[in-house]
Amino acid sequence: MTSVSAGTRPERIAALGFDYASQPKVRLERCNLCGESVFVGLTHRDRYGYPAEASGCTRCGLVFLDPVMTSEAYGKFYMGTYRPLVSAFHGRLIDARTIQQEQREYAVERGDLLAPYVVGQSYRTLLDIGGSTGVVADAFARRFNLRGTVIDPAPLETAQAQALGLETIEGLVEDVDLGSRRFDVVILCQTVDHLLDTAGTLARVRQLLSPGGLLFVDIVDFRAAYLRNWSVEGAIKIDHPYYLTEGTMVAYLVRAGFEVVRSDYAADHLHVSYVARPSTPQPTYLPSSDDVKRLWNELRYVQNAPSPRA
């Protein structure tokens, strides 16, 4: 994609010709976080206008697409549709080249957050899961004297990372076999929301971390997203299988065996970052029932009450 077509947002998205309804999908039988199977339907359309259904787990408050595209369908989506779709939505070209300045700024900001936990340590290796063009991995590798590896499903983006001298692995992290390799620092930058198996990936990351290693992960805070636009549908999009809140993200980390040593609200007031170290897994840890009840009440209120900015 070299340009963005003219027209309204719905016209630009329609011009892509992506048939979401016909994509192969699977239904979720169990919540990826707590394992329960009682769900509540929340939406029937996403921000792009696609017939994407989102549900939530009544026990822990995790929100997710259900049904969700298969791993193979997402692989094709990221290779050819994802960046053009985001470009059509925003009305400007967003591709492997144009995003790099934004990624450089992000790398400086998030690098400052990580520095107190990396500088002075004997860390040598870095794994960037969903590392896109490698700009962030390269910046961290140079700043902290690390050898960087990038995993990403988009070949146009891994080509950019390769040009920076980084080791690259093309594919979805859920499908990549890293064998017995271990890394001192693992980062998931604006990536965890795109995973198909968040619990499985974090458990694998726990295994991939060297003893005393460090994890960085940030989320699009689902509550911030729907409150910002006063729209639950406006916070749902087919490129995010899961929608994480502070409560569910911390639960994922604690259950997988991580201790959060720092959290941080990003300057955009939308993302929340976490710095974590390996700890003893607490497999029963979940948000409280009162927190989950408040989430459902708030979601229903936003769906039905007039916007306070109206």
C-alpha atoms as a PDB file:
ATOM      1  CA  MET A   1       0.000   0.000   0.000  1.00  0.00           C
ATOM      2  CA  THR A   2       1.578   3.259  -1.113  1.00  0.00           C
ATOM      3  CA  SER A   3      -1.316   5.653  -0.439  1.00  0.00           C
ATOM      4  CA  VAL A   4      -4.681   5.917   1.265  1.00  0.00           C
ATOM      5  CA  SER A   5      -7.784   6.068  -0.905  1.00  0.00           C
ATOM      6  CA  ALA A   6     -10.035   9.106  -0.719  1.00  0.00           C
ATOM      7  CA  GLY A   7     -13.512   9.072   0.756  1.00  0.00           C
ATOM      8  CA  THR A   8     -15.080   8.651   4.146  1.00  0.00           C
ATOM      9  CA  ARG A   9     -13.695   6.215   6.680  1.00  0.00           C
ATOM     10  CA  PRO A  10     -16.297   3.510   5.860  1.00  0.00           C
ATOM     11  CA  GLU A  11     -15.584   3.992   2.142  1.00  0.00           C
ATOM     12  CA  ARG A  12     -11.829   3.665   2.662  1.00  0.00           C
ATOM     13  CA  ILE A  13     -12.273   0.488   4.699  1.00  0.00           C
ATOM     14  CA  ALA A  14     -14.717  -0.993   2.188  1.00  0.00           C
ATOM     15  CA  ALA A  15     -12.252  -0.276  -0.632  1.00  0.00           C
ATOM     16  CA  LEU A  16      -9.809  -2.752   0.927  1.00  0.00           C
ATOM     17  CA  GLY A  17     -12.169  -5.599   0.073  1.00  0.00           C
ATOM     18  CA  PHE A  18     -11.396  -7.550   3.251  1.00  0.00           C
ATOM     19  CA  ASP A  19     -14.218 -10.000   3.943  1.00  0.00           C
ATOM     20  CA  TYR A  20     -14.040 -10.518   7.672  1.00  0.00           C
ATOM     21  CA  ALA A  21     -17.287 -12.469   7.833  1.00  0.00           C
ATOM     22  CA  SER A  22     -15.902 -15.242   5.614  1.00  0.00           C
ATOM     23  CA  GLN A  23     -12.627 -15.677   7.513  1.00  0.00           C
ATOM     24  CA  PRO A  24     -12.158 -19.019   9.304  1.00  0.00           C
ATOM     25  CA  LYS A  25     -12.883 -18.651  13.020  1.00  0.00           C
ATOM     26  CA  VAL A  26     -13.147 -20.687  16.185  1.00  0.00           C
ATOM     27  CA  ARG A  27     -15.364 -20.352  19.236  1.00  0.00           C
ATOM     28  CA  LEU A  28     -13.750 -20.123  22.646  1.00  0.00           C
ATOM     29  CA  GLU A  29     -14.841 -22.820  25.058  1.00  0.00           C
ATOM     30  CA  ARG A  30     -12.909 -21.552  28.076  1.00  0.00           C
ATOM     31  CA  CYS A  31     -11.703 -18.175  29.303  1.00  0.00           C
ATOM     32  CA  ASN A  32      -8.025 -17.793  28.502  1.00  0.00           C
ATOM     33  CA  LEU A  33      -7.358 -16.238  31.919  1.00  0.00           C
ATOM     34  CA  CYS A  34      -9.405 -18.163  34.493  1.00  0.00           C
ATOM     35  CA  GLY A  35     -10.681 -21.190  32.546  1.00  0.00           C
ATOM     36  CA  GLU A  36     -14.374 -20.583  33.202  1.00  0.00           C
ATOM     37  CA  SER A  37     -16.983 -20.982  30.458  1.00  0.00           C
ATOM     38  CA  VAL A  38     -19.787 -18.546  31.361  1.00  0.00           C
ATOM     39  CA  PHE A  39     -19.571 -15.581  29.008  1.00  0.00           C
ATOM     40  CA  VAL A  40     -21.678 -12.489  28.381  1.00  0.00           C
ATOM     41  CA  GLY A  41     -22.003 -10.994  24.897  1.00  0.00           C
ATOM     42  CA  LEU A  42     -20.931  -7.348  24.742  1.00  0.00           C
ATOM     43  CA  THR A  43     -20.769  -6.192  21.113  1.00  0.00           C
ATOM     44  CA  HIS A  44     -21.648  -7.385  17.628  1.00  0.00           C
ATOM     45  CA  ARG A  45     -19.552  -4.989  15.557  1.00  0.00           C
ATOM     46  CA  ASP A  46     -16.082  -3.472  15.845  1.00  0.00           C
ATOM     47  CA  ARG A  47     -14.695  -0.003  15.239  1.00  0.00           C
ATOM     48  CA  TYR A  48     -14.038  -0.786  11.564  1.00  0.00           C
ATOM     49  CA  GLY A  49     -17.646  -1.839  10.990  1.00  0.00           C
ATOM     50  CA  TYR A  50     -16.893  -5.558  10.738  1.00  0.00           C
ATOM     51  CA  PRO A  51     -19.331  -8.044  12.346  1.00  0.00           C
ATOM     52  CA  ALA A  52     -16.918  -8.893  15.153  1.00  0.00           C
ATOM     53  CA  GLU A  53     -18.491 -10.222  18.336  1.00  0.00           C
ATOM     54  CA  ALA A  54     -16.873  -9.524  21.683  1.00  0.00           C
ATOM     55  CA  SER A  55     -17.706 -11.362  24.889  1.00  0.00           C
ATOM     56  CA  GLY A  56     -16.549 -11.200  28.473  1.00  0.00           C
ATOM     57  CA  CYS A  57     -15.913 -13.749  31.189  1.00  0.00           C
ATOM     58  CA  THR A  58     -18.345 -13.311  34.066  1.00  0.00           C
ATOM     59  CA  ARG A  59     -15.835 -14.626  36.600  1.00  0.00           C
ATOM     60  CA  CYS A  60     -12.664 -12.611  35.898  1.00  0.00           C
ATOM     61  CA  GLY A  61     -13.738  -9.776  33.576  1.00  0.00           C
ATOM     62  CA  LEU A  62     -11.542 -10.689  30.604  1.00  0.00           C
ATOM     63  CA  VAL A  63     -12.988  -9.409  27.298  1.00  0.00           C
ATOM     64  CA  PHE A  64     -12.228 -11.125  23.986  1.00  0.00           C
ATOM     65  CA  LEU A  65     -13.380 -11.712  20.422  1.00  0.00           C
ATOM     66  CA  ASP A  66     -15.602 -14.778  20.193  1.00  0.00           C
ATOM     67  CA  PRO A  67     -15.512 -16.284  17.645  1.00  0.00           C
ATOM     68  CA  VAL A  68     -11.953 -15.295  16.778  1.00  0.00           C
ATOM     69  CA  MET A  69     -10.009 -15.786  13.557  1.00  0.00           C
ATOM     70  CA  THR A  70      -7.721 -18.797  13.392  1.00  0.00           C
ATOM     71  CA  SER A  71      -3.947 -18.545  13.650  1.00  0.00           C
ATOM     72  CA  GLU A  72      -3.641 -19.111   9.890  1.00  0.00           C
ATOM     73  CA  ALA A  73      -6.187 -16.384   9.148  1.00  0.00           C
ATOM     74  CA  TYR A  74      -4.361 -13.934  11.389  1.00  0.00           C
ATOM     75  CA  GLY A  75      -1.068 -14.804   9.722  1.00  0.00           C
ATOM     76  CA  LYS A  76      -2.509 -13.792   6.345  1.00  0.00           C
ATOM     77  CA  PHE A  77      -4.201 -10.751   7.898  1.00  0.00           C
ATOM     78  CA  TYR A  78      -0.910  -9.384   9.234  1.00  0.00           C
ATOM     79  CA  MET A  79       0.904 -10.067   5.975  1.00  0.00           C
ATOM     80  CA  GLY A  80      -1.485  -8.134   3.754  1.00  0.00           C
ATOM     81  CA  THR A  81      -4.387  -6.394   5.488  1.00  0.00           C
ATOM     82  CA  TYR A  82      -3.429  -5.083   8.905  1.00  0.00           C
ATOM     83  CA  ARG A  83      -1.439  -1.959   7.992  1.00  0.00           C
ATOM     84  CA  PRO A  84      -3.739  -0.960   5.085  1.00  0.00           C
ATOM     85  CA  LEU A  85      -6.736  -1.339   7.422  1.00  0.00           C
ATOM     86  CA  VAL A  86      -5.210   0.853  10.117  1.00  0.00           C
ATOM     87  CA  SER A  87      -4.247   3.366   7.419  1.00  0.00           C
ATOM     88  CA  ALA A  88      -7.804   3.425   6.076  1.00  0.00           C
ATOM     89  CA  PHE A  89      -9.193   3.920   9.567  1.00  0.00           C
ATOM     90  CA  HIS A  90      -6.922   6.870  10.367  1.00  0.00           C
ATOM     91  CA  GLY A  91      -6.906   8.336   6.859  1.00  0.00           C
ATOM     92  CA  ARG A  92      -3.112   8.425   6.562  1.00  0.00           C
ATOM     93  CA  LEU A  93      -0.446   6.004   5.393  1.00  0.00           C
ATOM     94  CA  ILE A  94       0.801   3.757   8.193  1.00  0.00           C
ATOM     95  CA  ASP A  95       3.293   1.142   7.004  1.00  0.00           C
ATOM     96  CA  ALA A  96       6.651  -0.425   7.841  1.00  0.00           C
ATOM     97  CA  ARG A  97       8.452   2.798   6.967  1.00  0.00           C
ATOM     98  CA  THR A  98       6.129   5.540   8.213  1.00  0.00           C
ATOM     99  CA  ILE A  99       5.762   4.038  11.695  1.00  0.00           C
ATOM    100  CA  GLN A 100       9.480   4.117  12.403  1.00  0.00           C
ATOM    101  CA  GLN A 101       9.662   7.686  13.710  1.00  0.00           C
ATOM    102  CA  GLU A 102       6.837   6.944  16.130  1.00  0.00           C
ATOM    103  CA  GLN A 103       8.650   3.775  17.183  1.00  0.00           C
ATOM    104  CA  ARG A 104      11.880   5.710  17.798  1.00  0.00           C
ATOM    105  CA  GLU A 105      10.062   8.115  20.116  1.00  0.00           C
ATOM    106  CA  TYR A 106       8.407   5.188  21.857  1.00  0.00           C
ATOM    107  CA  ALA A 107      11.788   3.470  22.293  1.00  0.00           C
ATOM    108  CA  VAL A 108      13.247   6.516  24.046  1.00  0.00           C
ATOM    109  CA  GLU A 109      10.274   6.888  26.384  1.00  0.00           C
ATOM    110  CA  ARG A 110      10.005   3.198  27.297  1.00  0.00           C
ATOM    111  CA  GLY A 111      13.794   2.878  27.455  1.00  0.00           C
ATOM    112  CA  ASP A 112      13.837   5.536  30.165  1.00  0.00           C
ATOM    113  CA  LEU A 113      11.303   3.455  32.090  1.00  0.00           C
ATOM    114  CA  LEU A 114      13.419   0.286  31.774  1.00  0.00           C
ATOM    115  CA  ALA A 115      16.832   1.861  32.401  1.00  0.00           C
ATOM    116  CA  PRO A 116      16.823   1.650  36.229  1.00  0.00           C
ATOM    117  CA  TYR A 117      16.163  -2.088  36.004  1.00  0.00           C
ATOM    118  CA  VAL A 118      18.661  -2.883  33.214  1.00  0.00           C
ATOM    119  CA  VAL A 119      21.676  -0.626  33.728  1.00  0.00           C
ATOM    120  CA  GLY A 120      24.258  -2.306  35.934  1.00  0.00           C
ATOM    121  CA  GLN A 121      22.885  -5.785  35.333  1.00  0.00           C
ATOM    122  CA  SER A 122      24.782  -8.492  33.434  1.00  0.00           C
ATOM    123  CA  TYR A 123      22.089  -8.768  30.763  1.00  0.00           C
ATOM    124  CA  ARG A 124      23.285  -9.735  27.275  1.00  0.00           C
ATOM    125  CA  THR A 125      20.286 -10.860  25.194  1.00  0.00           C
ATOM    126  CA  LEU A 126      16.955  -9.308  24.193  1.00  0.00           C
ATOM    127  CA  LEU A 127      13.858 -10.899  22.654  1.00  0.00           C
ATOM    128  CA  ASP A 128      11.241  -8.581  21.146  1.00  0.00           C
ATOM    129  CA  ILE A 129       7.965 -10.446  20.575  1.00  0.00           C
ATOM    130  CA  GLY A 130       5.900  -8.748  17.871  1.00  0.00           C
ATOM    131  CA  GLY A 131       8.881  -6.500  17.241  1.00  0.00           C
ATOM    132  CA  SER A 132       7.676  -5.043  13.927  1.00  0.00           C
ATOM    133  CA  THR A 133      10.472  -3.176  12.108  1.00  0.00           C
ATOM    134  CA  GLY A 134      12.971  -3.740  14.916  1.00  0.00           C
ATOM    135  CA  VAL A 135      13.323  -0.040  15.720  1.00  0.00           C
ATOM    136  CA  VAL A 136      12.538  -0.554  19.402  1.00  0.00           C
ATOM    137  CA  ALA A 137      14.670  -3.708  19.712  1.00  0.00           C
ATOM    138  CA  ASP A 138      17.570  -1.957  17.981  1.00  0.00           C
ATOM    139  CA  ALA A 139      17.289   1.095  20.237  1.00  0.00           C
ATOM    140  CA  PHE A 140      17.194  -1.052  23.375  1.00  0.00           C
ATOM    141  CA  ALA A 141      20.035  -3.256  22.124  1.00  0.00           C
ATOM    142  CA  ARG A 142      22.248  -0.246  21.455  1.00  0.00           C
ATOM    143  CA  ARG A 143      21.336   1.591  24.638  1.00  0.00           C
ATOM    144  CA  PHE A 144      21.784  -1.408  26.939  1.00  0.00           C
ATOM    145  CA  ASN A 145      24.445  -3.341  24.976  1.00  0.00           C
ATOM    146  CA  LEU A 146      22.211  -6.334  24.186  1.00  0.00           C
ATOM    147  CA  ARG A 147      22.006  -8.788  21.273  1.00  0.00           C
ATOM    148  CA  GLY A 148      18.539  -8.384  19.810  1.00  0.00           C
ATOM    149  CA  THR A 149      16.135 -10.928  18.316  1.00  0.00           C
ATOM    150  CA  VAL A 150      12.772  -9.975  16.787  1.00  0.00           C
ATOM    151  CA  ILE A 151       9.720 -12.192  16.230  1.00  0.00           C
ATOM    152  CA  ASP A 152       7.006 -10.794  13.970  1.00  0.00           C
ATOM    153  CA  PRO A 153       4.522 -12.266  11.450  1.00  0.00           C
ATOM    154  CA  ALA A 154       4.854  -9.506   8.835  1.00  0.00           C
ATOM    155  CA  PRO A 155       7.701 -10.138   6.315  1.00  0.00           C
ATOM    156  CA  LEU A 156       7.867  -6.500   5.199  1.00  0.00           C
ATOM    157  CA  GLU A 157       8.507  -5.494   8.792  1.00  0.00           C
ATOM    158  CA  THR A 158      11.004  -8.234   9.647  1.00  0.00           C
ATOM    159  CA  ALA A 159      12.923  -7.188   6.513  1.00  0.00           C
ATOM    160  CA  GLN A 160      13.338  -3.746   8.076  1.00  0.00           C
ATOM    161  CA  ALA A 161      14.536  -5.356  11.299  1.00  0.00           C
ATOM    162  CA  GLN A 162      17.035  -7.513   9.415  1.00  0.00           C
ATOM    163  CA  ALA A 163      18.450  -4.407   7.755  1.00  0.00           C
ATOM    164  CA  LEU A 164      19.258  -3.104  11.242  1.00  0.00           C
ATOM    165  CA  GLY A 165      21.379  -6.197  11.899  1.00  0.00           C
ATOM    166  CA  LEU A 166      18.908  -7.895  14.219  1.00  0.00           C
ATOM    167  CA  GLU A 167      18.187 -11.609  14.214  1.00  0.00           C
ATOM    168  CA  THR A 168      14.631 -12.055  12.950  1.00  0.00           C
ATOM    169  CA  ILE A 169      12.123 -14.899  13.183  1.00  0.00           C
ATOM    170  CA  GLU A 170       9.052 -14.611  10.975  1.00  0.00           C
ATOM    171  CA  GLY A 171       5.783 -15.868  12.405  1.00  0.00           C
ATOM    172  CA  LEU A 172       3.353 -15.636  15.296  1.00  0.00           C
ATOM    173  CA  VAL A 173       4.964 -16.198  18.683  1.00  0.00           C
ATOM    174  CA  GLU A 174       2.393 -18.889  19.455  1.00  0.00           C
ATOM    175  CA  ASP A 175       3.781 -20.951  16.549  1.00  0.00           C
ATOM    176  CA  VAL A 176       7.528 -20.284  16.905  1.00  0.00           C
ATOM    177  CA  ASP A 177       9.731 -22.937  18.507  1.00  0.00           C
ATOM    178  CA  LEU A 178      12.709 -21.398  20.308  1.00  0.00           C
ATOM    179  CA  GLY A 179      13.822 -24.660  21.833  1.00  0.00           C
ATOM    180  CA  SER A 180      15.990 -24.246  24.921  1.00  0.00           C
ATOM    181  CA  ARG A 181      17.064 -20.663  24.215  1.00  0.00           C
ATOM    182  CA  ARG A 182      16.929 -18.175  27.103  1.00  0.00           C
ATOM    183  CA  PHE A 183      16.887 -14.363  27.025  1.00  0.00           C
ATOM    184  CA  ASP A 184      17.795 -11.832  29.685  1.00  0.00           C
ATOM    185  CA  VAL A 185      15.211  -9.255  28.628  1.00  0.00           C
ATOM    186  CA  VAL A 186      11.899 -10.022  26.891  1.00  0.00           C
ATOM    187  CA  ILE A 187       9.697  -7.200  25.626  1.00  0.00           C
ATOM    188  CA  LEU A 188       6.150  -7.213  24.256  1.00  0.00           C
ATOM    189  CA  CYS A 189       5.667  -3.650  23.039  1.00  0.00           C
ATOM    190  CA  GLN A 190       2.063  -2.902  22.037  1.00  0.00           C
ATOM    191  CA  THR A 191       1.801  -6.619  21.265  1.00  0.00           C
ATOM    192  CA  VAL A 192       0.080  -8.528  24.062  1.00  0.00           C
ATOM    193  CA  ASP A 193      -3.380  -7.428  22.853  1.00  0.00           C
ATOM    194  CA  HIS A 194      -2.637  -9.153  19.518  1.00  0.00           C
ATOM    195  CA  LEU A 195      -1.858 -12.571  21.001  1.00  0.00           C
ATOM    196  CA  LEU A 196      -4.143 -15.533  20.417  1.00  0.00           C
ATOM    197  CA  ASP A 197      -3.089 -17.289  23.629  1.00  0.00           C
ATOM    198  CA  THR A 198      -2.071 -14.735  26.228  1.00  0.00           C
ATOM    199  CA  ALA A 199      -1.801 -17.210  29.098  1.00  0.00           C
ATOM    200  CA  GLY A 200       0.230 -19.677  27.040  1.00  0.00           C
ATOM    201  CA  THR A 201       2.543 -16.986  25.700  1.00  0.00           C
ATOM    202  CA  LEU A 202       3.261 -15.513  29.133  1.00  0.00           C
ATOM    203  CA  ALA A 203       3.929 -18.992  30.493  1.00  0.00           C
ATOM    204  CA  ARG A 204       6.358 -19.519  27.609  1.00  0.00           C
ATOM    205  CA  VAL A 205       7.973 -16.118  28.250  1.00  0.00           C
ATOM    206  CA  ARG A 206       8.469 -17.170  31.861  1.00  0.00           C
ATOM    207  CA  GLN A 207      10.403 -20.194  30.560  1.00  0.00           C
ATOM    208  CA  LEU A 208      12.350 -18.092  28.056  1.00  0.00           C
ATOM    209  CA  LEU A 209      13.611 -15.630  30.668  1.00  0.00           C
ATOM    210  CA  SER A 210      17.028 -16.212  32.151  1.00  0.00           C
ATOM    211  CA  PRO A 211      17.139 -16.454  35.957  1.00  0.00           C
ATOM    212  CA  GLY A 212      16.838 -12.893  37.205  1.00  0.00           C
ATOM    213  CA  GLY A 213      15.650 -11.713  33.794  1.00  0.00           C
ATOM    214  CA  LEU A 214      13.283  -8.852  33.055  1.00  0.00           C
ATOM    215  CA  LEU A 215       9.932  -8.627  31.249  1.00  0.00           C
ATOM    216  CA  PHE A 216       8.417  -5.479  29.763  1.00  0.00           C
ATOM    217  CA  VAL A 217       4.836  -5.512  28.490  1.00  0.00           C
ATOM    218  CA  ASP A 218       2.281  -2.800  27.808  1.00  0.00           C
ATOM    219  CA  ILE A 219      -1.437  -2.944  27.111  1.00  0.00           C
ATOM    220  CA  VAL A 220      -4.087  -0.809  25.507  1.00  0.00           C
ATOM    221  CA  ASP A 221      -6.166  -0.331  28.641  1.00  0.00           C
ATOM    222  CA  PHE A 222      -9.655  -1.437  27.600  1.00  0.00           C
ATOM    223  CA  ARG A 223     -11.333   0.792  30.188  1.00  0.00           C
ATOM    224  CA  ALA A 224      -9.369   3.829  29.011  1.00  0.00           C
ATOM    225  CA  ALA A 225     -10.294   3.010  25.397  1.00  0.00           C
ATOM    226  CA  TYR A 226     -14.049   2.781  25.889  1.00  0.00           C
ATOM    227  CA  LEU A 227     -14.197   5.707  28.303  1.00  0.00           C
ATOM    228  CA  ARG A 228     -12.157   7.904  25.956  1.00  0.00           C
ATOM    229  CA  ASN A 229     -14.669   7.513  23.121  1.00  0.00           C
ATOM    230  CA  TRP A 230     -17.653   6.651  25.337  1.00  0.00           C
ATOM    231  CA  SER A 231     -18.152   3.600  23.143  1.00  0.00           C
ATOM    232  CA  VAL A 232     -17.550  -0.080  23.810  1.00  0.00           C
ATOM    233  CA  GLU A 233     -17.786  -0.926  20.105  1.00  0.00           C
ATOM    234  CA  GLY A 234     -15.283   1.840  19.389  1.00  0.00           C
ATOM    235  CA  ALA A 235     -12.751   0.041  21.605  1.00  0.00           C
ATOM    236  CA  ILE A 236     -13.179  -3.331  19.849  1.00  0.00           C
ATOM    237  CA  LYS A 237     -11.151  -4.134  16.722  1.00  0.00           C
ATOM    238  CA  ILE A 238     -10.446  -7.364  14.874  1.00  0.00           C
ATOM    239  CA  ASP A 239      -6.662  -7.003  15.287  1.00  0.00           C
ATOM    240  CA  HIS A 240      -7.028  -7.383  19.083  1.00  0.00           C
ATOM    241  CA  PRO A 241      -8.304 -10.836  20.115  1.00  0.00           C
ATOM    242  CA  TYR A 242      -8.150  -9.756  23.804  1.00  0.00           C
ATOM    243  CA  TYR A 243      -9.000  -6.530  25.689  1.00  0.00           C
ATOM    244  CA  LEU A 244      -7.006  -6.113  28.862  1.00  0.00           C
ATOM    245  CA  THR A 245      -7.574  -3.944  31.900  1.00  0.00           C
ATOM    246  CA  GLU A 246      -5.156  -3.244  34.717  1.00  0.00           C
ATOM    247  CA  GLY A 247      -6.878  -5.951  36.752  1.00  0.00           C
ATOM    248  CA  THR A 248      -6.746  -8.686  34.129  1.00  0.00           C
ATOM    249  CA  MET A 249      -3.179  -7.871  33.005  1.00  0.00           C
ATOM    250  CA  VAL A 250      -1.830  -8.064  36.544  1.00  0.00           C
ATOM    251  CA  ALA A 251      -3.731 -11.333  37.025  1.00  0.00           C
ATOM    252  CA  TYR A 252      -2.149 -12.773  33.875  1.00  0.00           C
ATOM    253  CA  LEU A 253       1.322 -11.807  35.092  1.00  0.00           C
ATOM    254  CA  VAL A 254       0.922 -13.084  38.645  1.00  0.00           C
ATOM    255  CA  ARG A 255      -0.614 -16.374  37.516  1.00  0.00           C
ATOM    256  CA  ALA A 256       2.224 -16.898  35.010  1.00  0.00           C
ATOM    257  CA  GLY A 257       4.893 -16.332  37.653  1.00  0.00           C
ATOM    258  CA  PHE A 258       5.838 -12.656  37.476  1.00  0.00           C
ATOM    259  CA  GLU A 259       6.147  -9.963  40.101  1.00  0.00           C
ATOM    260  CA  VAL A 260       5.288  -6.460  38.884  1.00  0.00           C
ATOM    261  CA  VAL A 261       8.037  -4.101  40.033  1.00  0.00           C
ATOM    262  CA  ARG A 262       6.806  -1.007  38.183  1.00  0.00           C
ATOM    263  CA  SER A 263       3.722   0.110  36.296  1.00  0.00           C
ATOM    264  CA  ASP A 264       3.371   3.320  34.339  1.00  0.00           C
ATOM    265  CA  TYR A 265       0.639   5.229  32.511  1.00  0.00           C
ATOM    266  CA  ALA A 266       1.955   6.290  29.106  1.00  0.00           C
ATOM    267  CA  ALA A 267       1.804   9.876  27.912  1.00  0.00           C
ATOM    268  CA  ASP A 268      -1.086   8.999  25.581  1.00  0.00           C
ATOM    269  CA  HIS A 269      -3.220   8.078  28.642  1.00  0.00           C
ATOM    270  CA  LEU A 270      -4.240   4.918  26.793  1.00  0.00           C
ATOM    271  CA  HIS A 271      -1.378   2.451  27.307  1.00  0.00           C
ATOM    272  CA  VAL A 272      -0.245   1.023  30.636  1.00  0.00           C
ATOM    273  CA  SER A 273       3.267  -0.434  30.928  1.00  0.00           C
ATOM    274  CA  TYR A 274       4.540  -3.110  33.303  1.00  0.00           C
ATOM    275  CA  VAL A 275       8.079  -4.064  34.296  1.00  0.00           C
ATOM    276  CA  ALA A 276       8.153  -7.511  35.892  1.00  0.00           C
ATOM    277  CA  ARG A 277      10.575 -10.103  37.203  1.00  0.00           C
ATOM    278  CA  PRO A 278      10.190 -13.875  37.573  1.00  0.00           C
ATOM    279  CA  SER A 279       8.474 -14.961  40.771  1.00  0.00           C
ATOM    280  CA  THR A 280       6.535 -17.922  42.122  1.00  0.00           C
ATOM    281  CA  PRO A 281       3.377 -18.508  40.035  1.00  0.00           C
ATOM    282  CA  GLN A 282       0.071 -17.919  41.813  1.00  0.00           C
ATOM    283  CA  PRO A 283      -2.266 -19.905  39.544  1.00  0.00           C
ATOM    284  CA  THR A 284      -5.466 -18.946  41.398  1.00  0.00           C
ATOM    285  CA  TYR A 285      -4.907 -15.184  41.440  1.00  0.00           C
ATOM    286  CA  LEU A 286      -7.777 -13.217  39.837  1.00  0.00           C
ATOM    287  CA  PRO A 287      -9.409  -9.784  40.043  1.00  0.00           C
ATOM    288  CA  SER A 288     -11.887  -9.599  42.923  1.00  0.00           C
ATOM    289  CA  SER A 289     -15.555 -10.308  42.273  1.00  0.00           C
ATOM    290  CA  ASP A 290     -16.359  -6.718  43.302  1.00  0.00           C
ATOM    291  CA  ASP A 291     -13.938  -5.380  40.664  1.00  0.00           C
ATOM    292  CA  VAL A 292     -15.515  -7.576  37.989  1.00  0.00           C
ATOM    293  CA  LYS A 293     -19.032  -6.490  38.971  1.00  0.00           C
ATOM    294  CA  ARG A 294     -18.014  -2.834  38.762  1.00  0.00           C
ATOM    295  CA  LEU A 295     -16.568  -3.445  35.287  1.00  0.00           C
ATOM    296  CA  TRP A 296     -19.816  -4.957  33.982  1.00  0.00           C
ATOM    297  CA  ASN A 297     -21.878  -2.145  35.495  1.00  0.00           C
ATOM    298  CA  GLU A 298     -19.616   0.460  33.918  1.00  0.00           C
ATOM    299  CA  LEU A 299     -19.684  -1.247  30.501  1.00  0.00           C
ATOM    300  CA  ARG A 300     -23.466  -1.321  30.539  1.00  0.00           C
ATOM    301  CA  TYR A 301     -23.612   2.308  31.620  1.00  0.00           C
ATOM    302  CA  VAL A 302     -21.312   3.438  28.793  1.00  0.00           C
ATOM    303  CA  GLN A 303     -23.400   1.455  26.294  1.00  0.00           C
ATOM    304  CA  ASN A 304     -26.607   3.205  27.326  1.00  0.00           C
ATOM    305  CA  ALA A 305     -25.929   6.562  28.979  1.00  0.00           C
ATOM    306  CA  PRO A 306     -25.405   9.746  26.931  1.00  0.00           C
ATOM    307  CA  SER A 307     -21.796  10.783  26.593  1.00  0.00           C
ATOM    308  CA  PRO A 308     -20.812  13.378  29.217  1.00  0.00           C
ATOM    309  CA  ARG A 309     -19.267  15.370  26.364  1.00  0.00           C
ATOM    310  CA  ALA A 310     -22.494  15.475  24.346  1.00  0.00           C
END
